[in-house]
All heavy atoms as atom14 arrays in JSON, in Angstrom:
{
  "sequence": "EEKFGWKTYIPKFAYTTDNAAMIAMVGTLKYDHKIFTENTTKSVAK",
  "atom14_mask": [
    [1, 1, 1, 1, 1, 1, 1, 1, 1, 0, 0, 0, 0, 0],
    [1, 1, 1, 1, 1, 1, 1, 1, 1, 0, 0, 0, 0, 0],
    [1, 1, 1, 1, 1, 1, 1, 1, 1, 0, 0, 0, 0, 0],
    [1, 1, 1, 1, 1, 1, 1, 1, 1, 1, 1, 0, 0, 0],
    [1, 1, 1, 1, 0, 0, 0, 0, 0, 0, 0, 0, 0, 0],
    [1, 1, 1, 1, 1, 1, 1, 1, 1, 1, 1, 1, 1, 1],
    [1, 1, 1, 1, 1, 1, 1, 1, 1, 0, 0, 0, 0, 0],
    [1, 1, 1, 1, 1, 1, 1, 0, 0, 0, 0, 0, 0, 0],
    [1, 1, 1, 1, 1, 1, 1, 1, 1, 1, 1, 1, 0, 0],
    [1, 1, 1, 1, 1, 1, 1, 1, 0, 0, 0, 0, 0, 0],
    [1, 1, 1, 1, 1, 1, 1, 0, 0, 0, 0, 0, 0, 0],
    [1, 1, 1, 1, 1, 1, 1, 1, 1, 0, 0, 0, 0, 0],
    [1, 1, 1, 1, 1, 1, 1, 1, 1, 1, 1, 0, 0, 0],
    [1, 1, 1, 1, 1, 0, 0, 0, 0, 0, 0, 0, 0, 0],
    [1, 1, 1, 1, 1, 1, 1, 1, 1, 1, 1, 1, 0, 0],
    [1, 1, 1, 1, 1, 1, 1, 0, 0, 0, 0, 0, 0, 0],
    [1, 1, 1, 1, 1, 1, 1, 0, 0, 0, 0, 0, 0, 0],
    [1, 1, 1, 1, 1, 1, 1, 1, 0, 0, 0, 0, 0, 0],
    [1, 1, 1, 1, 1, 1, 1, 1, 0, 0, 0, 0, 0, 0],
    [1, 1, 1, 1, 1, 0, 0, 0, 0, 0, 0, 0, 0, 0],
    [1, 1, 1, 1, 1, 0, 0, 0, 0, 0, 0, 0, 0, 0],
    [1, 1, 1, 1, 1, 1, 1, 1, 0, 0, 0, 0, 0, 0],
    [1, 1, 1, 1, 1, 1, 1, 1, 0, 0, 0, 0, 0, 0],
    [1, 1, 1, 1, 1, 0, 0, 0, 0, 0, 0, 0, 0, 0],
    [1, 1, 1, 1, 1, 1, 1, 1, 0, 0, 0, 0, 0, 0],
    [1, 1, 1, 1, 1, 1, 1, 0, 0, 0, 0, 0, 0, 0],
    [1, 1, 1, 1, 0, 0, 0, 0, 0, 0, 0, 0, 0, 0],
    [1, 1, 1, 1, 1, 1, 1, 0, 0, 0, 0, 0, 0, 0],
    [1, 1, 1, 1, 1, 1, 1, 1, 0, 0, 0, 0, 0, 0],
    [1, 1, 1, 1, 1, 1, 1, 1, 1, 0, 0, 0, 0, 0],
    [1, 1, 1, 1, 1, 1, 1, 1, 1, 1, 1, 1, 0, 0],
    [1, 1, 1, 1, 1, 1, 1, 1, 0, 0, 0, 0, 0, 0],
    [1, 1, 1, 1, 1, 1, 1, 1, 1, 1, 0, 0, 0, 0],
    [1, 1, 1, 1, 1, 1, 1, 1, 1, 0, 0, 0, 0, 0],
    [1, 1, 1, 1, 1, 1, 1, 1, 0, 0, 0, 0, 0, 0],
    [1, 1, 1, 1, 1, 1, 1, 1, 1, 1, 1, 0, 0, 0],
    [1, 1, 1, 1, 1, 1, 1, 0, 0, 0, 0, 0, 0, 0],
    [1, 1, 1, 1, 1, 1, 1, 1, 1, 0, 0, 0, 0, 0],
    [1, 1, 1, 1, 1, 1, 1, 1, 0, 0, 0, 0, 0, 0],
    [1, 1, 1, 1, 1, 1, 1, 0, 0, 0, 0, 0, 0, 0],
    [1, 1, 1, 1, 1, 1, 1, 0, 0, 0, 0, 0, 0, 0],
    [1, 1, 1, 1, 1, 1, 1, 1, 1, 0, 0, 0, 0, 0],
    [1, 1, 1, 1, 1, 1, 0, 0, 0, 0, 0, 0, 0, 0],
    [1, 1, 1, 1, 1, 1, 1, 0, 0, 0, 0, 0, 0, 0],
    [1, 1, 1, 1, 1, 0, 0, 0, 0, 0, 0, 0, 0, 0],
    [1, 1, 1, 1, 1, 1, 1, 1, 1, 0, 0, 0, 0, 0]
  ],
  "atom14_positions": [
    [[8.68, -25.23, 49.74], [8.44, -23.95, 49.11], [8.7, -22.8, 50.1], [9.3, -21.78, 49.73], [6.97, -23.88, 48.58], [6.77, -24.75, 47.38], [5.42, -24.5, 46.72], [4.46, -24.15, 47.4], [5.34, -24.66, 45.46], [0.0, 0.0, 0.0], [0.0, 0.0, 0.0], [0.0, 0.0, 0.0], [0.0, 0.0, 0.0], [0.0, 0.0, 0.0]],
    [[8.21, -22.96, 51.31], [8.41, -21.94, 52.33], [9.82, -22.02, 52.95], [10.43, -21.01, 53.19], [7.38, -22.07, 53.43], [5.93, -21.77, 52.97], [4.91, -21.77, 54.1], [5.37, -21.84, 55.26], [3.75, -21.71, 53.82], [0.0, 0.0, 0.0], [0.0, 0.0, 0.0], [0.0, 0.0, 0.0], [0.0, 0.0, 0.0], [0.0, 0.0, 0.0]],
    [[10.29, -23.23, 53.18], [11.54, -23.41, 53.83], [12.74, -23.14, 52.98], [13.73, -22.52, 53.41], [11.64, -24.86, 54.35], [12.77, -25.13, 55.34], [12.65, -26.54, 55.91], [13.78, -26.81, 56.91], [13.73, -28.17, 57.48], [0.0, 0.0, 0.0], [0.0, 0.0, 0.0], [0.0, 0.0, 0.0], [0.0, 0.0, 0.0], [0.0, 0.0, 0.0]],
    [[12.67, -23.56, 51.67], [13.85, -23.41, 50.83], [13.61, -22.48, 49.62], [14.53, -22.21, 48.83], [14.3, -24.81, 50.31], [14.62, -25.78, 51.4], [13.83, -26.9, 51.61], [15.73, -25.58, 52.25], [14.11, -27.78, 52.63], [16.03, -26.46, 53.25], [15.2, -27.57, 53.46], [0.0, 0.0, 0.0], [0.0, 0.0, 0.0], [0.0, 0.0, 0.0]],
    [[12.37, -22.08, 49.42], [12.09, -21.11, 48.32], [11.93, -21.73, 46.99], [11.94, -21.0, 45.97], [0.0, 0.0, 0.0], [0.0, 0.0, 0.0], [0.0, 0.0, 0.0], [0.0, 0.0, 0.0], [0.0, 0.0, 0.0], [0.0, 0.0, 0.0], [0.0, 0.0, 0.0], [0.0, 0.0, 0.0], [0.0, 0.0, 0.0], [0.0, 0.0, 0.0]],
    [[11.78, -23.05, 46.87], [11.57, -23.64, 45.57], [10.06, -23.61, 45.2], [9.2, -23.47, 46.07], [12.15, -25.03, 45.44], [11.6, -26.12, 46.36], [10.25, -26.39, 46.52], [12.33, -27.02, 47.14], [10.14, -27.45, 47.37], [11.37, -27.89, 47.77], [13.67, -27.25, 47.36], [11.76, -28.92, 48.63], [14.03, -28.29, 48.21], [13.09, -29.1, 48.85]],
    [[9.76, -23.82, 43.89], [8.4, -23.93, 43.42], [8.09, -25.37, 43.05], [8.89, -26.03, 42.38], [8.25, -23.01, 42.18], [6.9, -23.13, 41.49], [5.74, -22.65, 42.3], [4.46, -22.69, 41.54], [3.27, -22.39, 42.39], [0.0, 0.0, 0.0], [0.0, 0.0, 0.0], [0.0, 0.0, 0.0], [0.0, 0.0, 0.0], [0.0, 0.0, 0.0]],
    [[6.94, -25.86, 43.58], [6.6, -27.23, 43.48], [5.43, -27.43, 42.51], [4.45, -26.69, 42.56], [6.26, -27.87, 44.82], [7.37, -27.72, 45.69], [5.94, -29.29, 44.7], [0.0, 0.0, 0.0], [0.0, 0.0, 0.0], [0.0, 0.0, 0.0], [0.0, 0.0, 0.0], [0.0, 0.0, 0.0], [0.0, 0.0, 0.0], [0.0, 0.0, 0.0]],
    [[5.51, -28.52, 41.66], [4.44, -28.82, 40.72], [3.96, -30.25, 41.03], [4.77, -31.21, 40.88], [4.87, -28.7, 39.31], [5.28, -27.28, 38.97], [6.6, -26.88, 39.12], [4.39, -26.33, 38.52], [7.05, -25.6, 38.86], [4.76, -25.01, 38.28], [6.09, -24.65, 38.42], [6.47, -23.39, 38.19], [0.0, 0.0, 0.0], [0.0, 0.0, 0.0]],
    [[2.75, -30.39, 41.52], [2.27, -31.71, 41.98], [0.98, -32.04, 41.19], [-0.08, -31.46, 41.4], [1.94, -31.68, 43.5], [3.17, -31.29, 44.28], [1.41, -33.06, 43.93], [3.01, -31.2, 45.77], [0.0, 0.0, 0.0], [0.0, 0.0, 0.0], [0.0, 0.0, 0.0], [0.0, 0.0, 0.0], [0.0, 0.0, 0.0], [0.0, 0.0, 0.0]],
    [[1.04, -33.01, 40.26], [-0.13, -33.38, 39.48], [-1.19, -34.11, 40.27], [-0.84, -34.68, 41.37], [0.41, -34.28, 38.39], [1.69, -34.88, 38.97], [2.22, -33.81, 39.9], [0.0, 0.0, 0.0], [0.0, 0.0, 0.0], [0.0, 0.0, 0.0], [0.0, 0.0, 0.0], [0.0, 0.0, 0.0], [0.0, 0.0, 0.0], [0.0, 0.0, 0.0]],
    [[-2.4, -34.04, 39.89], [-3.43, -34.73, 40.67], [-3.25, -36.24, 40.6], [-2.6, -36.75, 39.69], [-4.85, -34.3, 40.2], [-5.2, -34.75, 38.79], [-6.65, -34.23, 38.47], [-7.18, -34.8, 37.17], [-8.55, -34.32, 36.91], [0.0, 0.0, 0.0], [0.0, 0.0, 0.0], [0.0, 0.0, 0.0], [0.0, 0.0, 0.0], [0.0, 0.0, 0.0]],
    [[-3.85, -36.95, 41.55], [-3.59, -38.36, 41.74], [-3.82, -39.2, 40.46], [-3.09, -40.11, 40.17], [-4.46, -38.91, 42.86], [-4.08, -38.45, 44.25], [-4.87, -37.6, 44.96], [-2.88, -38.84, 44.82], [-4.49, -37.14, 46.19], [-2.47, -38.39, 46.04], [-3.28, -37.57, 46.72], [0.0, 0.0, 0.0], [0.0, 0.0, 0.0], [0.0, 0.0, 0.0]],
    [[-4.86, -38.89, 39.71], [-5.19, -39.69, 38.52], [-4.07, -39.72, 37.49], [-4.0, -40.64, 36.69], [-6.47, -39.11, 37.86], [0.0, 0.0, 0.0], [0.0, 0.0, 0.0], [0.0, 0.0, 0.0], [0.0, 0.0, 0.0], [0.0, 0.0, 0.0], [0.0, 0.0, 0.0], [0.0, 0.0, 0.0], [0.0, 0.0, 0.0], [0.0, 0.0, 0.0]],
    [[-3.16, -38.72, 37.51], [-2.12, -38.65, 36.55], [-0.74, -39.11, 37.07], [0.27, -38.88, 36.47], [-2.0, -37.22, 35.97], [-3.27, -36.75, 35.3], [-3.66, -35.41, 35.39], [-4.1, -37.62, 34.58], [-4.82, -34.95, 34.78], [-5.25, -37.2, 34.01], [-5.62, -35.85, 34.11], [-6.78, -35.42, 33.47], [0.0, 0.0, 0.0], [0.0, 0.0, 0.0]],
    [[-0.75, -39.68, 38.31], [0.56, -40.1, 38.85], [0.77, -41.57, 38.68], [1.84, -42.04, 38.28], [0.57, -39.76, 40.41], [-0.52, -40.36, 41.06], [0.62, -38.31, 40.62], [0.0, 0.0, 0.0], [0.0, 0.0, 0.0], [0.0, 0.0, 0.0], [0.0, 0.0, 0.0], [0.0, 0.0, 0.0], [0.0, 0.0, 0.0], [0.0, 0.0, 0.0]],
    [[-0.26, -42.4, 38.97], [-0.07, -43.83, 38.75], [-0.13, -44.13, 37.24], [-0.41, -43.24, 36.47], [-1.26, -44.6, 39.44], [-2.5, -44.09, 38.98], [-1.16, -44.45, 40.94], [0.0, 0.0, 0.0], [0.0, 0.0, 0.0], [0.0, 0.0, 0.0], [0.0, 0.0, 0.0], [0.0, 0.0, 0.0], [0.0, 0.0, 0.0], [0.0, 0.0, 0.0]],
    [[0.22, -45.36, 36.89], [0.24, -45.72, 35.41], [-1.15, -45.43, 34.81], [-2.17, -45.99, 35.27], [0.65, -47.16, 35.24], [2.11, -47.41, 35.58], [2.81, -46.41, 35.74], [2.52, -48.55, 35.63], [0.0, 0.0, 0.0], [0.0, 0.0, 0.0], [0.0, 0.0, 0.0], [0.0, 0.0, 0.0], [0.0, 0.0, 0.0], [0.0, 0.0, 0.0]],
    [[-1.17, -44.61, 33.77], [-2.41, -44.26, 33.15], [-2.14, -43.85, 31.67], [-1.01, -43.51, 31.33], [-3.11, -43.12, 33.89], [-2.31, -41.83, 33.85], [-2.5, -41.0, 32.94], [-1.36, -41.64, 34.76], [0.0, 0.0, 0.0], [0.0, 0.0, 0.0], [0.0, 0.0, 0.0], [0.0, 0.0, 0.0], [0.0, 0.0, 0.0], [0.0, 0.0, 0.0]],
    [[-3.2, -43.93, 30.89], [-2.99, -43.57, 29.46], [-3.03, -42.06, 29.17], [-2.63, -41.6, 28.13], [-4.07, -44.3, 28.65], [0.0, 0.0, 0.0], [0.0, 0.0, 0.0], [0.0, 0.0, 0.0], [0.0, 0.0, 0.0], [0.0, 0.0, 0.0], [0.0, 0.0, 0.0], [0.0, 0.0, 0.0], [0.0, 0.0, 0.0], [0.0, 0.0, 0.0]],
    [[-3.55, -41.28, 30.15], [-3.61, -39.83, 29.93], [-2.24, -39.23, 29.73], [-1.99, -38.38, 28.89], [-4.32, -39.16, 31.12], [0.0, 0.0, 0.0], [0.0, 0.0, 0.0], [0.0, 0.0, 0.0], [0.0, 0.0, 0.0], [0.0, 0.0, 0.0], [0.0, 0.0, 0.0], [0.0, 0.0, 0.0], [0.0, 0.0, 0.0], [0.0, 0.0, 0.0]],
    [[-1.26, -39.74, 30.5], [0.1, -39.21, 30.36], [0.71, -39.64, 29.05], [1.5, -38.89, 28.41], [0.97, -39.74, 31.52], [1.22, -41.22, 31.56], [2.18, -41.77, 33.02], [2.67, -43.39, 32.57], [0.0, 0.0, 0.0], [0.0, 0.0, 0.0], [0.0, 0.0, 0.0], [0.0, 0.0, 0.0], [0.0, 0.0, 0.0], [0.0, 0.0, 0.0]],
    [[0.36, -40.84, 28.53], [0.82, -41.3, 27.24], [0.2, -40.36, 26.13], [0.81, -40.0, 25.16], [0.42, -42.75, 26.97], [0.92, -43.68, 28.11], [0.96, -43.22, 25.61], [2.43, -43.64, 28.29], [0.0, 0.0, 0.0], [0.0, 0.0, 0.0], [0.0, 0.0, 0.0], [0.0, 0.0, 0.0], [0.0, 0.0, 0.0], [0.0, 0.0, 0.0]],
    [[-1.06, -40.02, 26.37], [-1.74, -39.16, 25.43], [-1.1, -37.76, 25.37], [-1.03, -37.15, 24.26], [-3.22, -39.02, 25.85], [0.0, 0.0, 0.0], [0.0, 0.0, 0.0], [0.0, 0.0, 0.0], [0.0, 0.0, 0.0], [0.0, 0.0, 0.0], [0.0, 0.0, 0.0], [0.0, 0.0, 0.0], [0.0, 0.0, 0.0], [0.0, 0.0, 0.0]],
    [[-0.65, -37.27, 26.54], [-0.01, -35.96, 26.56], [1.26, -35.91, 25.64], [1.45, -34.98, 24.9], [0.35, -35.58, 27.98], [0.89, -34.15, 28.18], [-0.33, -32.88, 27.81], [0.45, -32.08, 26.45], [0.0, 0.0, 0.0], [0.0, 0.0, 0.0], [0.0, 0.0, 0.0], [0.0, 0.0, 0.0], [0.0, 0.0, 0.0], [0.0, 0.0, 0.0]],
    [[2.07, -36.94, 25.79], [3.23, -37.04, 24.95], [2.8, -37.23, 23.45], [3.41, -36.65, 22.54], [4.16, -38.18, 25.34], [5.39, -38.23, 24.47], [4.58, -38.07, 26.8], [0.0, 0.0, 0.0], [0.0, 0.0, 0.0], [0.0, 0.0, 0.0], [0.0, 0.0, 0.0], [0.0, 0.0, 0.0], [0.0, 0.0, 0.0], [0.0, 0.0, 0.0]],
    [[1.73, -38.0, 23.27], [1.24, -38.25, 21.96], [0.84, -36.93, 21.24], [1.15, -36.76, 20.05], [0.0, 0.0, 0.0], [0.0, 0.0, 0.0], [0.0, 0.0, 0.0], [0.0, 0.0, 0.0], [0.0, 0.0, 0.0], [0.0, 0.0, 0.0], [0.0, 0.0, 0.0], [0.0, 0.0, 0.0], [0.0, 0.0, 0.0], [0.0, 0.0, 0.0]],
    [[0.16, -36.09, 21.97], [-0.31, -34.84, 21.31], [0.89, -33.92, 21.02], [0.91, -33.2, 20.01], [-1.39, -34.13, 22.21], [-2.11, -33.22, 21.39], [-0.82, -33.42, 23.38], [0.0, 0.0, 0.0], [0.0, 0.0, 0.0], [0.0, 0.0, 0.0], [0.0, 0.0, 0.0], [0.0, 0.0, 0.0], [0.0, 0.0, 0.0], [0.0, 0.0, 0.0]],
    [[1.88, -33.92, 21.92], [3.1, -33.11, 21.72], [3.83, -33.6, 20.46], [4.3, -32.81, 19.67], [3.99, -33.12, 22.94], [3.49, -32.34, 24.13], [4.34, -32.71, 25.41], [3.52, -30.84, 23.91], [0.0, 0.0, 0.0], [0.0, 0.0, 0.0], [0.0, 0.0, 0.0], [0.0, 0.0, 0.0], [0.0, 0.0, 0.0], [0.0, 0.0, 0.0]],
    [[3.98, -34.91, 20.38], [4.71, -35.46, 19.21], [3.9, -35.29, 17.91], [4.5, -35.06, 16.82], [5.0, -36.95, 19.42], [6.15, -37.19, 20.44], [6.59, -38.61, 20.43], [7.87, -38.82, 21.24], [8.41, -40.19, 21.15], [0.0, 0.0, 0.0], [0.0, 0.0, 0.0], [0.0, 0.0, 0.0], [0.0, 0.0, 0.0], [0.0, 0.0, 0.0]],
    [[2.58, -35.37, 18.03], [1.72, -35.15, 16.82], [1.91, -33.75, 16.32], [2.04, -33.52, 15.1], [0.27, -35.4, 17.21], [-0.68, -35.29, 15.99], [-0.87, -36.35, 15.18], [-1.35, -34.06, 15.77], [-1.69, -36.22, 14.03], [-2.19, -33.95, 14.65], [-2.39, -35.05, 13.81], [-3.2, -34.91, 12.72], [0.0, 0.0, 0.0], [0.0, 0.0, 0.0]],
    [[1.95, -32.76, 17.23], [2.13, -31.41, 16.83], [3.46, -31.15, 16.14], [3.59, -30.3, 15.29], [2.02, -30.44, 18.09], [0.61, -30.4, 18.62], [-0.29, -30.77, 17.89], [0.46, -29.96, 19.74], [0.0, 0.0, 0.0], [0.0, 0.0, 0.0], [0.0, 0.0, 0.0], [0.0, 0.0, 0.0], [0.0, 0.0, 0.0], [0.0, 0.0, 0.0]],
    [[4.46, -31.95, 16.53], [5.8, -31.82, 15.93], [6.04, -32.86, 14.79], [7.16, -33.0, 14.34], [6.89, -32.0, 17.01], [6.99, -30.81, 17.99], [6.1, -30.66, 19.02], [7.86, -29.8, 18.04], [6.47, -29.54, 19.7], [7.44, -28.96, 19.08], [0.0, 0.0, 0.0], [0.0, 0.0, 0.0], [0.0, 0.0, 0.0], [0.0, 0.0, 0.0]],
    [[4.96, -33.6, 14.53], [5.01, -34.61, 13.44], [6.1, -35.67, 13.69], [6.86, -36.03, 12.81], [5.21, -33.97, 12.07], [3.98, -33.17, 11.64], [4.17, -32.61, 10.24], [2.89, -32.01, 9.67], [2.26, -31.03, 10.56], [0.0, 0.0, 0.0], [0.0, 0.0, 0.0], [0.0, 0.0, 0.0], [0.0, 0.0, 0.0], [0.0, 0.0, 0.0]],
    [[6.23, -36.09, 14.96], [7.21, -37.12, 15.35], [6.46, -38.46, 15.42], [5.83, -38.81, 16.41], [7.88, -36.82, 16.7], [8.52, -35.43, 16.66], [8.89, -37.86, 17.05], [9.11, -34.98, 18.0], [0.0, 0.0, 0.0], [0.0, 0.0, 0.0], [0.0, 0.0, 0.0], [0.0, 0.0, 0.0], [0.0, 0.0, 0.0], [0.0, 0.0, 0.0]],
    [[6.5, -39.17, 14.29], [5.79, -40.45, 14.21], [6.75, -41.59, 14.17], [7.97, -41.41, 14.08], [4.92, -40.44, 12.96], [3.95, -39.28, 12.85], [3.81, -38.55, 11.69], [3.2, -38.89, 13.94], [2.97, -37.49, 11.58], [2.34, -37.8, 13.9], [2.17, -37.1, 12.71], [0.0, 0.0, 0.0], [0.0, 0.0, 0.0], [0.0, 0.0, 0.0]],
    [[6.22, -42.81, 14.27], [7.08, -44.0, 14.27], [6.58, -45.01, 13.25], [5.44, -44.96, 12.82], [7.14, -44.62, 15.69], [8.17, -45.63, 15.72], [5.85, -45.28, 16.02], [0.0, 0.0, 0.0], [0.0, 0.0, 0.0], [0.0, 0.0, 0.0], [0.0, 0.0, 0.0], [0.0, 0.0, 0.0], [0.0, 0.0, 0.0], [0.0, 0.0, 0.0]],
    [[7.46, -45.93, 12.94], [7.12, -46.96, 11.95], [6.39, -48.11, 12.62], [6.54, -48.4, 13.8], [8.36, -47.49, 11.26], [9.17, -46.49, 10.49], [8.38, -45.9, 9.29], [7.59, -46.68, 8.72], [8.62, -44.71, 8.99], [0.0, 0.0, 0.0], [0.0, 0.0, 0.0], [0.0, 0.0, 0.0], [0.0, 0.0, 0.0], [0.0, 0.0, 0.0]],
    [[5.6, -48.85, 11.82], [4.86, -49.99, 12.32], [5.8, -51.13, 12.75], [5.4, -52.02, 13.48], [3.89, -50.48, 11.23], [2.72, -51.12, 11.82], [2.74, -52.35, 12.09], [1.63, -50.42, 12.04], [0.0, 0.0, 0.0], [0.0, 0.0, 0.0], [0.0, 0.0, 0.0], [0.0, 0.0, 0.0], [0.0, 0.0, 0.0], [0.0, 0.0, 0.0]],
    [[7.03, -51.03, 12.31], [7.98, -52.12, 12.62], [8.8, -51.83, 13.91], [9.63, -52.63, 14.27], [9.03, -52.24, 11.45], [9.59, -50.99, 11.16], [8.34, -52.78, 10.23], [0.0, 0.0, 0.0], [0.0, 0.0, 0.0], [0.0, 0.0, 0.0], [0.0, 0.0, 0.0], [0.0, 0.0, 0.0], [0.0, 0.0, 0.0], [0.0, 0.0, 0.0]],
    [[8.52, -50.71, 14.55], [9.26, -50.33, 15.79], [9.01, -51.38, 16.86], [7.82, -51.78, 17.12], [8.77, -48.94, 16.31], [9.12, -48.02, 15.31], [9.55, -48.59, 17.6], [0.0, 0.0, 0.0], [0.0, 0.0, 0.0], [0.0, 0.0, 0.0], [0.0, 0.0, 0.0], [0.0, 0.0, 0.0], [0.0, 0.0, 0.0], [0.0, 0.0, 0.0]],
    [[9.97, -51.86, 17.51], [9.89, -52.92, 18.51], [9.71, -52.36, 19.93], [10.31, -51.34, 20.29], [11.15, -53.84, 18.49], [11.32, -54.55, 17.18], [12.58, -55.46, 17.21], [12.79, -56.17, 15.89], [13.98, -57.04, 15.92], [0.0, 0.0, 0.0], [0.0, 0.0, 0.0], [0.0, 0.0, 0.0], [0.0, 0.0, 0.0], [0.0, 0.0, 0.0]],
    [[8.9, -53.08, 20.7], [8.8, -52.7, 22.14], [10.09, -53.06, 22.86], [10.8, -53.97, 22.47], [7.63, -53.47, 22.79], [6.42, -53.16, 22.15], [0.0, 0.0, 0.0], [0.0, 0.0, 0.0], [0.0, 0.0, 0.0], [0.0, 0.0, 0.0], [0.0, 0.0, 0.0], [0.0, 0.0, 0.0], [0.0, 0.0, 0.0], [0.0, 0.0, 0.0]],
    [[10.46, -52.25, 23.89], [11.65, -52.49, 24.66], [11.43, -52.47, 26.12], [10.76, -51.57, 26.63], [12.77, -51.45, 24.23], [13.36, -51.76, 22.88], [12.18, -50.05, 24.28], [0.0, 0.0, 0.0], [0.0, 0.0, 0.0], [0.0, 0.0, 0.0], [0.0, 0.0, 0.0], [0.0, 0.0, 0.0], [0.0, 0.0, 0.0], [0.0, 0.0, 0.0]],
    [[11.91, -53.48, 26.83], [11.73, -53.56, 28.27], [12.5, -52.45, 29.01], [12.04, -51.94, 30.03], [12.13, -54.95, 28.79], [0.0, 0.0, 0.0], [0.0, 0.0, 0.0], [0.0, 0.0, 0.0], [0.0, 0.0, 0.0], [0.0, 0.0, 0.0], [0.0, 0.0, 0.0], [0.0, 0.0, 0.0], [0.0, 0.0, 0.0], [0.0, 0.0, 0.0]],
    [[13.67, -52.11, 28.45], [14.52, -51.04, 29.06], [14.59, -49.94, 28.02], [15.08, -50.17, 26.9], [15.92, -51.54, 29.42], [15.86, -52.56, 30.59], [17.33, -52.99, 30.99], [17.27, -53.95, 32.15], [18.65, -54.31, 32.56], [0.0, 0.0, 0.0], [0.0, 0.0, 0.0], [0.0, 0.0, 0.0], [0.0, 0.0, 0.0], [0.0, 0.0, 0.0]]
  ]
}
């Protein structure tokens, strides 16, 4: 930030490792936009 003039955004530790809060954040954004999925949607490794 001081050396190159960029702005940095660093989330607190609880939201960096795998956690459900980050899934919830996307969930609430999609809910607001009514982006839902079917019960037949398959999980994908990639």
